[in-house]
Amino acid sequence: MSNVPWHEEVVNFVQRFAVMLPNYEVACEHEHSNCVLIAHKKFKVDGRWHTWIDFDKFIELNNGFMNSGKTQKFSAVDYMALTPDWAVFGHTQQGFDPSETRWHRKKPKEDNGGC
């Protein structure tokens, strides 16, 4: 655990990295998982991120693809879904679903030597 970066360190790294990628931006974060998503700007429609998957639409499109002898093509844009505000990078929830219980530690965990 001593080698795991803090979420702020991951965010800083990803922000610096995203600047080097044309057509990509920092889109989402989940502090608890220490994850930050860089997404292609094609998933940002009218200023709002669509980084989630509409699984019903995906299944429908995939069935159409399979039933057409694999000629009816589709792409991720066809089944993208709006990202909830709480998951968008920079939101105060930092990726925590407000309908779930979030626990905050009151004091730092005691160092037990990694055991």
N, C-alpha and C. Protein backbone atom coordinates (compact mmCIF):
# COMPACT_ATOMS: atom_id res chain seq x y z
N MET A 1 0.82 -1.20 0.00
CA MET A 1 0.00 0.00 0.00
C MET A 1 0.86 1.26 0.00
N SER A 2 2.07 1.16 0.50
CA SER A 2 2.92 2.35 0.54
C SER A 2 3.29 2.84 -0.86
N ASN A 3 3.13 1.99 -1.86
CA ASN A 3 3.47 2.37 -3.24
C ASN A 3 2.26 2.83 -4.05
N VAL A 4 1.07 2.77 -3.47
CA VAL A 4 -0.13 3.20 -4.19
C VAL A 4 -0.23 4.73 -4.12
N PRO A 5 -0.37 5.38 -5.27
CA PRO A 5 -0.46 6.84 -5.26
C PRO A 5 -1.80 7.32 -4.68
N TRP A 6 -1.79 8.52 -4.12
CA TRP A 6 -3.02 9.17 -3.67
C TRP A 6 -3.82 9.55 -4.90
N HIS A 7 -5.13 9.67 -4.72
CA HIS A 7 -6.01 10.03 -5.83
C HIS A 7 -5.58 11.36 -6.46
N GLU A 8 -5.19 12.31 -5.65
CA GLU A 8 -4.76 13.61 -6.17
C GLU A 8 -3.55 13.46 -7.08
N GLU A 9 -2.65 12.54 -6.75
CA GLU A 9 -1.47 12.30 -7.60
C GLU A 9 -1.88 11.70 -8.93
N VAL A 10 -2.84 10.79 -8.91
CA VAL A 10 -3.34 10.18 -10.15
C VAL A 10 -4.01 11.25 -11.00
N VAL A 11 -4.83 12.08 -10.38
CA VAL A 11 -5.51 13.16 -11.11
C VAL A 11 -4.49 14.09 -11.75
N ASN A 12 -3.49 14.50 -11.01
CA ASN A 12 -2.46 15.40 -11.57
C ASN A 12 -1.75 14.77 -12.75
N PHE A 13 -1.39 13.50 -12.62
CA PHE A 13 -0.72 12.79 -13.72
C PHE A 13 -1.62 12.72 -14.95
N VAL A 14 -2.87 12.32 -14.75
CA VAL A 14 -3.80 12.15 -15.88
C VAL A 14 -4.07 13.49 -16.56
N GLN A 15 -4.21 14.56 -15.79
CA GLN A 15 -4.43 15.87 -16.39
C GLN A 15 -3.25 16.28 -17.27
N ARG A 16 -2.04 16.05 -16.79
CA ARG A 16 -0.85 16.39 -17.59
C ARG A 16 -0.77 15.51 -18.83
N PHE A 17 -1.12 14.24 -18.69
CA PHE A 17 -1.07 13.30 -19.81
C PHE A 17 -2.13 13.65 -20.85
N ALA A 18 -3.34 13.99 -20.43
CA ALA A 18 -4.44 14.28 -21.35
C ALA A 18 -4.14 15.47 -22.25
N VAL A 19 -3.37 16.42 -21.75
CA VAL A 19 -3.01 17.59 -22.55
C VAL A 19 -2.23 17.17 -23.79
N MET A 20 -1.53 16.05 -23.71
CA MET A 20 -0.71 15.58 -24.83
C MET A 20 -1.50 14.77 -25.85
N LEU A 21 -2.77 14.50 -25.57
CA LEU A 21 -3.58 13.66 -26.45
C LEU A 21 -4.61 14.49 -27.20
N PRO A 22 -4.40 14.71 -28.49
CA PRO A 22 -5.39 15.46 -29.25
C PRO A 22 -6.74 14.73 -29.24
N ASN A 23 -7.80 15.48 -29.14
CA ASN A 23 -9.18 14.95 -29.19
C ASN A 23 -9.59 14.14 -27.96
N TYR A 24 -8.83 14.24 -26.88
CA TYR A 24 -9.19 13.55 -25.64
C TYR A 24 -9.22 14.54 -24.48
N GLU A 25 -10.05 14.24 -23.48
CA GLU A 25 -10.13 15.06 -22.27
C GLU A 25 -10.37 14.16 -21.06
N VAL A 26 -10.08 14.69 -19.89
CA VAL A 26 -10.43 13.99 -18.66
C VAL A 26 -11.94 14.06 -18.53
N ALA A 27 -12.60 12.91 -18.42
CA ALA A 27 -14.06 12.87 -18.43
C ALA A 27 -14.67 12.51 -17.09
N CYS A 28 -14.14 11.48 -16.44
CA CYS A 28 -14.76 10.95 -15.23
C CYS A 28 -13.71 10.58 -14.20
N GLU A 29 -14.18 10.42 -12.98
CA GLU A 29 -13.29 9.94 -11.93
C GLU A 29 -14.10 9.12 -10.93
N HIS A 30 -13.39 8.27 -10.22
CA HIS A 30 -13.98 7.54 -9.10
C HIS A 30 -12.89 7.48 -8.03
N GLU A 31 -13.00 8.39 -7.08
CA GLU A 31 -11.95 8.53 -6.07
C GLU A 31 -11.71 7.23 -5.32
N HIS A 32 -12.77 6.53 -4.94
CA HIS A 32 -12.63 5.31 -4.15
C HIS A 32 -11.81 4.24 -4.88
N SER A 33 -11.96 4.16 -6.19
CA SER A 33 -11.20 3.19 -6.99
C SER A 33 -9.88 3.76 -7.47
N ASN A 34 -9.66 5.04 -7.20
CA ASN A 34 -8.44 5.72 -7.62
C ASN A 34 -8.31 5.67 -9.15
N CYS A 35 -9.43 5.90 -9.83
CA CYS A 35 -9.47 5.84 -11.29
C CYS A 35 -9.90 7.17 -11.89
N VAL A 36 -9.31 7.47 -13.02
CA VAL A 36 -9.67 8.66 -13.79
C VAL A 36 -9.77 8.22 -15.24
N LEU A 37 -10.85 8.63 -15.92
CA LEU A 37 -11.08 8.23 -17.31
C LEU A 37 -10.75 9.37 -18.25
N ILE A 38 -9.92 9.07 -19.24
CA ILE A 38 -9.68 9.97 -20.36
C ILE A 38 -10.53 9.45 -21.52
N ALA A 39 -11.38 10.30 -22.08
CA ALA A 39 -12.29 9.86 -23.14
C ALA A 39 -12.12 10.72 -24.39
N HIS A 40 -12.42 10.12 -25.53
CA HIS A 40 -12.40 10.85 -26.78
C HIS A 40 -13.53 11.88 -26.76
N LYS A 41 -13.27 13.03 -27.36
CA LYS A 41 -14.25 14.11 -27.35
C LYS A 41 -15.53 13.77 -28.12
N LYS A 42 -15.52 12.71 -28.93
CA LYS A 42 -16.75 12.31 -29.63
C LYS A 42 -17.82 11.87 -28.64
N PHE A 43 -17.40 11.54 -27.41
CA PHE A 43 -18.36 11.14 -26.38
C PHE A 43 -18.85 12.33 -25.55
N LYS A 44 -18.44 13.53 -25.93
CA LYS A 44 -18.91 14.75 -25.27
C LYS A 44 -19.86 15.46 -26.24
N VAL A 45 -21.15 15.33 -25.97
CA VAL A 45 -22.18 15.86 -26.86
C VAL A 45 -22.86 17.04 -26.19
N ASP A 46 -22.85 18.18 -26.87
CA ASP A 46 -23.43 19.42 -26.32
C ASP A 46 -22.90 19.72 -24.92
N GLY A 47 -21.60 19.49 -24.73
CA GLY A 47 -20.94 19.82 -23.47
C GLY A 47 -21.15 18.81 -22.35
N ARG A 48 -21.81 17.68 -22.64
CA ARG A 48 -22.07 16.66 -21.62
C ARG A 48 -21.45 15.33 -22.04
N TRP A 49 -20.81 14.69 -21.08
CA TRP A 49 -20.17 13.40 -21.35
C TRP A 49 -21.19 12.27 -21.45
N HIS A 50 -20.92 11.36 -22.37
CA HIS A 50 -21.72 10.15 -22.57
C HIS A 50 -20.76 8.96 -22.54
N THR A 51 -20.24 8.66 -21.36
CA THR A 51 -19.25 7.59 -21.23
C THR A 51 -19.84 6.29 -20.70
N TRP A 52 -21.12 6.27 -20.43
CA TRP A 52 -21.76 5.05 -19.94
C TRP A 52 -22.34 4.29 -21.12
N ILE A 53 -22.67 3.04 -20.89
CA ILE A 53 -23.17 2.17 -21.94
C ILE A 53 -24.67 1.91 -21.75
N ASP A 54 -25.43 2.11 -22.83
CA ASP A 54 -26.84 1.72 -22.86
C ASP A 54 -26.84 0.26 -23.30
N PHE A 55 -26.86 -0.66 -22.32
CA PHE A 55 -26.71 -2.07 -22.62
C PHE A 55 -27.86 -2.62 -23.46
N ASP A 56 -29.08 -2.15 -23.23
CA ASP A 56 -30.21 -2.60 -24.05
C ASP A 56 -29.98 -2.24 -25.51
N LYS A 57 -29.51 -1.02 -25.74
CA LYS A 57 -29.24 -0.57 -27.11
C LYS A 57 -28.09 -1.38 -27.72
N PHE A 58 -27.05 -1.64 -26.92
CA PHE A 58 -25.93 -2.44 -27.40
C PHE A 58 -26.39 -3.83 -27.85
N ILE A 59 -27.20 -4.48 -27.02
CA ILE A 59 -27.71 -5.82 -27.35
C ILE A 59 -28.54 -5.77 -28.62
N GLU A 60 -29.39 -4.75 -28.72
CA GLU A 60 -30.21 -4.58 -29.93
C GLU A 60 -29.32 -4.42 -31.17
N LEU A 61 -28.32 -3.57 -31.08
CA LEU A 61 -27.42 -3.35 -32.21
C LEU A 61 -26.61 -4.60 -32.54
N ASN A 62 -26.15 -5.29 -31.51
CA ASN A 62 -25.36 -6.50 -31.74
C ASN A 62 -26.22 -7.59 -32.36
N ASN A 63 -27.46 -7.71 -31.92
CA ASN A 63 -28.37 -8.69 -32.54
C ASN A 63 -28.59 -8.36 -34.02
N GLY A 64 -28.76 -7.08 -34.32
CA GLY A 64 -28.91 -6.65 -35.71
C GLY A 64 -27.68 -6.98 -36.52
N PHE A 65 -26.51 -6.78 -35.94
CA PHE A 65 -25.24 -7.11 -36.58
C PHE A 65 -25.16 -8.60 -36.88
N MET A 66 -25.46 -9.43 -35.88
CA MET A 66 -25.37 -10.88 -36.05
C MET A 66 -26.42 -11.39 -37.04
N ASN A 67 -27.65 -10.85 -36.96
CA ASN A 67 -28.73 -11.30 -37.85
C ASN A 67 -28.55 -10.84 -39.29
N SER A 68 -27.71 -9.83 -39.50
CA SER A 68 -27.47 -9.33 -40.85
C SER A 68 -26.29 -10.04 -41.52
N GLY A 69 -25.79 -11.07 -40.88
CA GLY A 69 -24.60 -11.73 -41.43
C GLY A 69 -23.37 -10.87 -41.22
N LYS A 70 -23.41 -10.09 -40.16
CA LYS A 70 -22.30 -9.21 -39.75
C LYS A 70 -22.04 -8.08 -40.74
N THR A 71 -23.10 -7.63 -41.42
CA THR A 71 -22.93 -6.51 -42.35
C THR A 71 -23.48 -5.20 -41.78
N GLN A 72 -24.42 -5.27 -40.85
CA GLN A 72 -25.02 -4.08 -40.25
C GLN A 72 -24.08 -3.58 -39.14
N LYS A 73 -23.25 -2.61 -39.46
CA LYS A 73 -22.22 -2.12 -38.55
C LYS A 73 -22.78 -1.12 -37.54
N PHE A 74 -22.08 -0.99 -36.41
CA PHE A 74 -22.40 0.02 -35.40
C PHE A 74 -21.13 0.36 -34.65
N SER A 75 -21.17 1.48 -33.93
CA SER A 75 -20.00 1.91 -33.16
C SER A 75 -20.42 2.30 -31.75
N ALA A 76 -19.46 2.59 -30.91
CA ALA A 76 -19.72 2.96 -29.52
C ALA A 76 -20.63 4.19 -29.40
N VAL A 77 -20.55 5.07 -30.35
CA VAL A 77 -21.39 6.27 -30.33
C VAL A 77 -22.88 5.90 -30.42
N ASP A 78 -23.17 4.78 -31.05
CA ASP A 78 -24.56 4.35 -31.23
C ASP A 78 -25.21 3.85 -29.95
N TYR A 79 -24.41 3.43 -28.98
CA TYR A 79 -24.99 2.91 -27.72
C TYR A 79 -24.46 3.63 -26.48
N MET A 80 -23.89 4.80 -26.68
CA MET A 80 -23.41 5.57 -25.54
C MET A 80 -24.58 6.12 -24.73
N ALA A 81 -24.35 6.29 -23.43
CA ALA A 81 -25.38 6.82 -22.54
C ALA A 81 -24.78 7.97 -21.73
N LEU A 82 -25.64 8.88 -21.35
CA LEU A 82 -25.23 10.05 -20.58
C LEU A 82 -24.57 9.65 -19.27
N THR A 83 -23.44 10.25 -18.98
CA THR A 83 -22.74 10.02 -17.72
C THR A 83 -23.46 10.78 -16.61
N PRO A 84 -23.76 10.13 -15.49
CA PRO A 84 -24.39 10.87 -14.38
C PRO A 84 -23.48 12.01 -13.92
N ASP A 85 -24.08 13.11 -13.53
CA ASP A 85 -23.30 14.27 -13.10
C ASP A 85 -22.28 13.92 -12.03
N TRP A 86 -22.67 13.07 -11.08
CA TRP A 86 -21.78 12.74 -9.96
C TRP A 86 -20.53 11.98 -10.39
N ALA A 87 -20.52 11.42 -11.60
CA ALA A 87 -19.37 10.67 -12.09
C ALA A 87 -18.45 11.52 -12.97
N VAL A 88 -18.92 12.69 -13.38
CA VAL A 88 -18.14 13.56 -14.25
C VAL A 88 -16.98 14.16 -13.46
N PHE A 89 -15.83 14.21 -14.10
CA PHE A 89 -14.63 14.75 -13.46
C PHE A 89 -14.88 16.17 -12.95
N GLY A 90 -14.48 16.41 -11.72
CA GLY A 90 -14.62 17.73 -11.12
C GLY A 90 -15.85 17.89 -10.25
N HIS A 91 -16.78 16.94 -10.31
CA HIS A 91 -17.98 17.02 -9.46
C HIS A 91 -17.58 16.78 -8.01
N THR A 92 -18.29 17.41 -7.09
CA THR A 92 -17.97 17.27 -5.66
C THR A 92 -18.10 15.83 -5.16
N GLN A 93 -18.91 15.00 -5.81
CA GLN A 93 -19.09 13.60 -5.39
C GLN A 93 -17.88 12.74 -5.76
N GLN A 94 -17.04 13.20 -6.67
CA GLN A 94 -15.83 12.48 -7.13
C GLN A 94 -16.11 11.03 -7.51
N GLY A 95 -17.24 10.82 -8.17
CA GLY A 95 -17.57 9.50 -8.68
C GLY A 95 -18.36 8.63 -7.73
N PHE A 96 -18.73 9.14 -6.58
CA PHE A 96 -19.54 8.37 -5.63
C PHE A 96 -21.01 8.60 -5.93
N ASP A 97 -21.74 7.51 -6.15
CA ASP A 97 -23.17 7.59 -6.38
C ASP A 97 -23.84 8.09 -5.10
N PRO A 98 -24.54 9.22 -5.14
CA PRO A 98 -25.15 9.78 -3.92
C PRO A 98 -26.23 8.88 -3.31
N SER A 99 -26.72 7.88 -4.07
CA SER A 99 -27.72 6.98 -3.50
C SER A 99 -27.07 5.89 -2.64
N GLU A 100 -25.74 5.79 -2.67
CA GLU A 100 -25.04 4.80 -1.87
C GLU A 100 -24.43 5.46 -0.63
N THR A 101 -24.18 4.67 0.39
CA THR A 101 -23.60 5.18 1.63
C THR A 101 -22.10 5.33 1.46
N ARG A 102 -21.61 6.51 1.77
CA ARG A 102 -20.18 6.78 1.69
C ARG A 102 -19.63 6.90 3.10
N TRP A 103 -18.59 6.14 3.38
CA TRP A 103 -17.97 6.15 4.71
C TRP A 103 -16.65 6.92 4.65
N HIS A 104 -16.46 7.77 5.62
CA HIS A 104 -15.21 8.52 5.75
C HIS A 104 -14.49 8.04 7.00
N ARG A 105 -13.21 7.79 6.88
CA ARG A 105 -12.41 7.43 8.05
C ARG A 105 -12.23 8.65 8.93
N LYS A 106 -12.35 8.45 10.23
CA LYS A 106 -12.16 9.56 11.16
C LYS A 106 -10.69 9.75 11.50
N LYS A 107 -9.93 8.68 11.47
CA LYS A 107 -8.49 8.78 11.75
C LYS A 107 -7.75 7.87 10.80
N PRO A 108 -6.48 8.16 10.56
CA PRO A 108 -5.72 7.31 9.65
C PRO A 108 -5.59 5.88 10.19
N LYS A 109 -5.56 4.95 9.25
CA LYS A 109 -5.40 3.55 9.62
C LYS A 109 -4.02 3.34 10.20
N GLU A 110 -3.94 2.51 11.23
CA GLU A 110 -2.67 2.23 11.89
C GLU A 110 -1.76 1.44 10.95
N ASP A 111 -0.48 1.77 10.94
CA ASP A 111 0.48 1.04 10.11
C ASP A 111 0.80 -0.28 10.79
N ASN A 112 0.49 -1.40 10.10
CA ASN A 112 0.76 -2.71 10.66
C ASN A 112 1.84 -3.44 9.88
N GLY A 113 2.66 -2.69 9.21
CA GLY A 113 3.78 -3.29 8.48
C GLY A 113 3.36 -3.99 7.20
N GLY A 114 2.18 -3.69 6.69
CA GLY A 114 1.73 -4.27 5.42
C GLY A 114 0.96 -5.57 5.58
N CYS A 115 0.68 -5.99 6.81
CA CYS A 115 -0.05 -7.25 7.03
C CYS A 115 -1.52 -6.99 7.24
